[in-house]
C-alpha atoms as a PDB file:
ATOM      1  CA  UNK A   1      -8.478  10.771 -13.360  1.00  0.00           C
ATOM      2  CA  UNK A   2      -8.120   8.441 -10.354  1.00  0.00           C
ATOM      3  CA  UNK A   3     -10.705   5.760  -9.595  1.00  0.00           C
ATOM      4  CA  UNK A   4     -11.040   2.891  -7.154  1.00  0.00           C
ATOM      5  CA  UNK A   5     -13.133  -0.250  -7.542  1.00  0.00           C
ATOM      6  CA  UNK A   6     -13.396  -3.872  -6.478  1.00  0.00           C
ATOM      7  CA  UNK A   7     -13.818  -6.759  -8.880  1.00  0.00           C
ATOM      8  CA  UNK A   8     -14.055 -10.515  -9.002  1.00  0.00           C
ATOM      9  CA  UNK A   9     -11.104 -11.847 -11.027  1.00  0.00           C
ATOM     10  CA  UNK A  10     -12.279 -13.562 -14.204  1.00  0.00           C
ATOM     11  CA  UNK A  11     -10.476 -15.857 -16.617  1.00  0.00           C
ATOM     12  CA  UNK A  12     -10.680 -15.620 -20.391  1.00  0.00           C
ATOM     13  CA  UNK A  13      -9.023 -18.603 -22.003  1.00  0.00           C
ATOM     14  CA  UNK A  14     -10.180 -18.351 -25.594  1.00  0.00           C
ATOM     15  CA  UNK A  15      -6.552 -18.540 -26.738  1.00  0.00           C
ATOM     16  CA  UNK A  16      -3.634 -20.822 -26.005  1.00  0.00           C
ATOM     17  CA  UNK A  17      -2.575 -18.479 -23.204  1.00  0.00           C
ATOM     18  CA  UNK A  18      -5.131 -17.613 -20.497  1.00  0.00           C
ATOM     19  CA  UNK A  19      -5.833 -13.990 -19.583  1.00  0.00           C
ATOM     20  CA  UNK A  20      -7.103 -12.785 -16.220  1.00  0.00           C
ATOM     21  CA  UNK A  21      -9.113  -9.575 -15.821  1.00  0.00           C
ATOM     22  CA  UNK A  22     -10.646  -7.268 -13.245  1.00  0.00           C
ATOM     23  CA  UNK A  23     -13.852  -5.720 -14.615  1.00  0.00           C
ATOM     24  CA  UNK A  24     -14.762  -2.125 -13.879  1.00  0.00           C
ATOM     25  CA  UNK A  25     -18.387  -1.544 -12.816  1.00  0.00           C
ATOM     26  CA  UNK A  26     -20.661  -0.830 -15.793  1.00  0.00           C
ATOM     27  CA  UNK A  27     -21.771   2.528 -14.375  1.00  0.00           C
ATOM     28  CA  UNK A  28     -18.160   3.646 -13.949  1.00  0.00           C
ATOM     29  CA  UNK A  29     -17.309   2.329 -17.413  1.00  0.00           C
ATOM     30  CA  UNK A  30     -20.116   4.433 -18.915  1.00  0.00           C
ATOM     31  CA  UNK A  31     -18.676   7.544 -17.225  1.00  0.00           C
ATOM     32  CA  UNK A  32     -15.192   6.767 -18.546  1.00  0.00           C
ATOM     33  CA  UNK A  33     -16.486   6.302 -22.106  1.00  0.00           C
ATOM     34  CA  UNK A  34     -17.838   9.869 -21.994  1.00  0.00           C
ATOM     35  CA  UNK A  35     -14.434  11.372 -21.180  1.00  0.00           C
ATOM     36  CA  UNK A  36     -12.545  13.132 -23.956  1.00  0.00           C
ATOM     37  CA  UNK A  37      -9.681  10.775 -24.762  1.00  0.00           C
ATOM     38  CA  UNK A  38      -7.522  10.015 -27.794  1.00  0.00           C
ATOM     39  CA  UNK A  39      -8.609   7.169 -30.031  1.00  0.00           C
ATOM     40  CA  UNK A  40      -6.451   4.096 -29.403  1.00  0.00           C
ATOM     41  CA  UNK A  41      -6.572   0.523 -30.648  1.00  0.00           C
ATOM     42  CA  UNK A  42      -9.527  -1.573 -29.459  1.00  0.00           C
ATOM     43  CA  UNK A  43     -10.949   1.477 -27.638  1.00  0.00           C
ATOM     44  CA  UNK A  44      -8.205   1.175 -25.032  1.00  0.00           C
ATOM     45  CA  UNK A  45      -7.084   3.777 -22.503  1.00  0.00           C
ATOM     46  CA  UNK A  46      -3.625   3.873 -20.924  1.00  0.00           C
ATOM     47  CA  UNK A  47      -3.643   3.513 -17.134  1.00  0.00           C
ATOM     48  CA  UNK A  48      -1.399   3.182 -14.096  1.00  0.00           C
ATOM     49  CA  UNK A  49      -2.815   0.450 -11.854  1.00  0.00           C
ATOM     50  CA  UNK A  50      -2.197  -0.618  -8.268  1.00  0.00           C
ATOM     51  CA  UNK A  51      -3.321  -3.704  -6.386  1.00  0.00           C
ATOM     52  CA  UNK A  52      -1.867  -3.967  -2.910  1.00  0.00           C
ATOM     53  CA  UNK A  53       1.777  -2.903  -3.110  1.00  0.00           C
ATOM     54  CA  UNK A  54       2.126  -3.769  -6.817  1.00  0.00           C
ATOM     55  CA  UNK A  55       1.935  -1.004  -9.428  1.00  0.00           C
ATOM     56  CA  UNK A  56       2.187  -1.264 -13.208  1.00  0.00           C
ATOM     57  CA  UNK A  57       1.252   0.542 -16.426  1.00  0.00           C
ATOM     58  CA  UNK A  58      -1.086  -1.094 -18.913  1.00  0.00           C
ATOM     59  CA  UNK A  59      -4.325  -0.326 -20.759  1.00  0.00           C
ATOM     60  CA  UNK A  60      -7.978  -0.980 -20.038  1.00  0.00           C
ATOM     61  CA  UNK A  61     -10.185  -2.273 -22.850  1.00  0.00           C
ATOM     62  CA  UNK A  62     -13.927  -1.921 -23.453  1.00  0.00           C
ATOM     63  CA  UNK A  63     -15.533  -5.359 -23.878  1.00  0.00           C
ATOM     64  CA  UNK A  64     -18.945  -4.143 -25.041  1.00  0.00           C
ATOM     65  CA  UNK A  65     -20.473  -3.531 -21.612  1.00  0.00           C
ATOM     66  CA  UNK A  66     -17.569  -2.523 -19.341  1.00  0.00           C
ATOM     67  CA  UNK A  67     -13.862  -1.815 -19.282  1.00  0.00           C
ATOM     68  CA  UNK A  68     -11.561  -4.641 -18.237  1.00  0.00           C
ATOM     69  CA  UNK A  69      -8.108  -4.440 -16.673  1.00  0.00           C
ATOM     70  CA  UNK A  70      -5.705  -7.236 -17.651  1.00  0.00           C
ATOM     71  CA  UNK A  71      -3.868  -8.722 -14.661  1.00  0.00           C
ATOM     72  CA  UNK A  72      -0.320  -9.697 -15.611  1.00  0.00           C
ATOM     73  CA  UNK A  73       1.135 -12.932 -14.290  1.00  0.00           C
ATOM     74  CA  UNK A  74       3.711 -10.997 -12.240  1.00  0.00           C
ATOM     75  CA  UNK A  75       0.947  -8.996 -10.528  1.00  0.00           C
ATOM     76  CA  UNK A  76      -1.113 -12.121  -9.830  1.00  0.00           C
ATOM     77  CA  UNK A  77       1.899 -13.885  -8.321  1.00  0.00           C
ATOM     78  CA  UNK A  78       3.028 -10.916  -6.198  1.00  0.00           C
ATOM     79  CA  UNK A  79      -0.476 -10.392  -4.784  1.00  0.00           C
ATOM     80  CA  UNK A  80      -1.604 -14.067  -4.678  1.00  0.00           C
ATOM     81  CA  UNK A  81      -4.494 -13.357  -7.047  1.00  0.00           C
ATOM     82  CA  UNK A  82      -6.539 -16.289  -8.343  1.00  0.00           C
ATOM     83  CA  UNK A  83      -9.607 -16.712 -10.516  1.00  0.00           C
ATOM     84  CA  UNK A  84     -12.743 -15.911  -8.519  1.00  0.00           C
ATOM     85  CA  UNK A  85     -10.860 -13.831  -5.953  1.00  0.00           C
ATOM     86  CA  UNK A  86     -11.799 -10.237  -5.231  1.00  0.00           C
ATOM     87  CA  UNK A  87      -9.276  -7.466  -5.864  1.00  0.00           C
ATOM     88  CA  UNK A  88      -9.307  -3.808  -4.813  1.00  0.00           C
ATOM     89  CA  UNK A  89      -7.879  -1.702  -7.638  1.00  0.00           C
ATOM     90  CA  UNK A  90      -6.605   1.885  -7.715  1.00  0.00           C
ATOM     91  CA  UNK A  91      -6.484   3.168 -11.271  1.00  0.00           C
ATOM     92  CA  UNK A  92      -5.145   6.396 -12.790  1.00  0.00           C
ATOM     93  CA  UNK A  93      -6.404   6.964 -16.318  1.00  0.00           C
ATOM     94  CA  UNK A  94      -3.502   8.544 -18.206  1.00  0.00           C
ATOM     95  CA  UNK A  95      -5.252   9.354 -21.502  1.00  0.00           C
ATOM     96  CA  UNK A  96      -7.549  12.133 -20.248  1.00  0.00           C
END
C-alpha cells in the first residue's frame, strides 16, 4: 500500500537522545489500523519511506491517536530537515 502525506516535524526528547517524527494524519492512521497486518512490537508496521531523494526502510508506530514515522539523523541531514519544518513523505507499507 502506497500513501503520501505532509507533516510538521516534531521532536520527542523524553530520553537522552532526541527523536524526530513525521505524524501521519489521524484519518489515514485510522484506515491503516483497519488493514490486515501481522502483529509486531509496539503495533508497528514495516515501511519503505522517501523524503526528497532519500529513501530508507523503517517502521511506523501508533502513538495512541496516529502513526508516527521516525526520521533518522542521516535523513534529516541529507534533506535539511529541522523541527517545525514541513516534510512531504511517500510511504510504502510493507506489512500488508
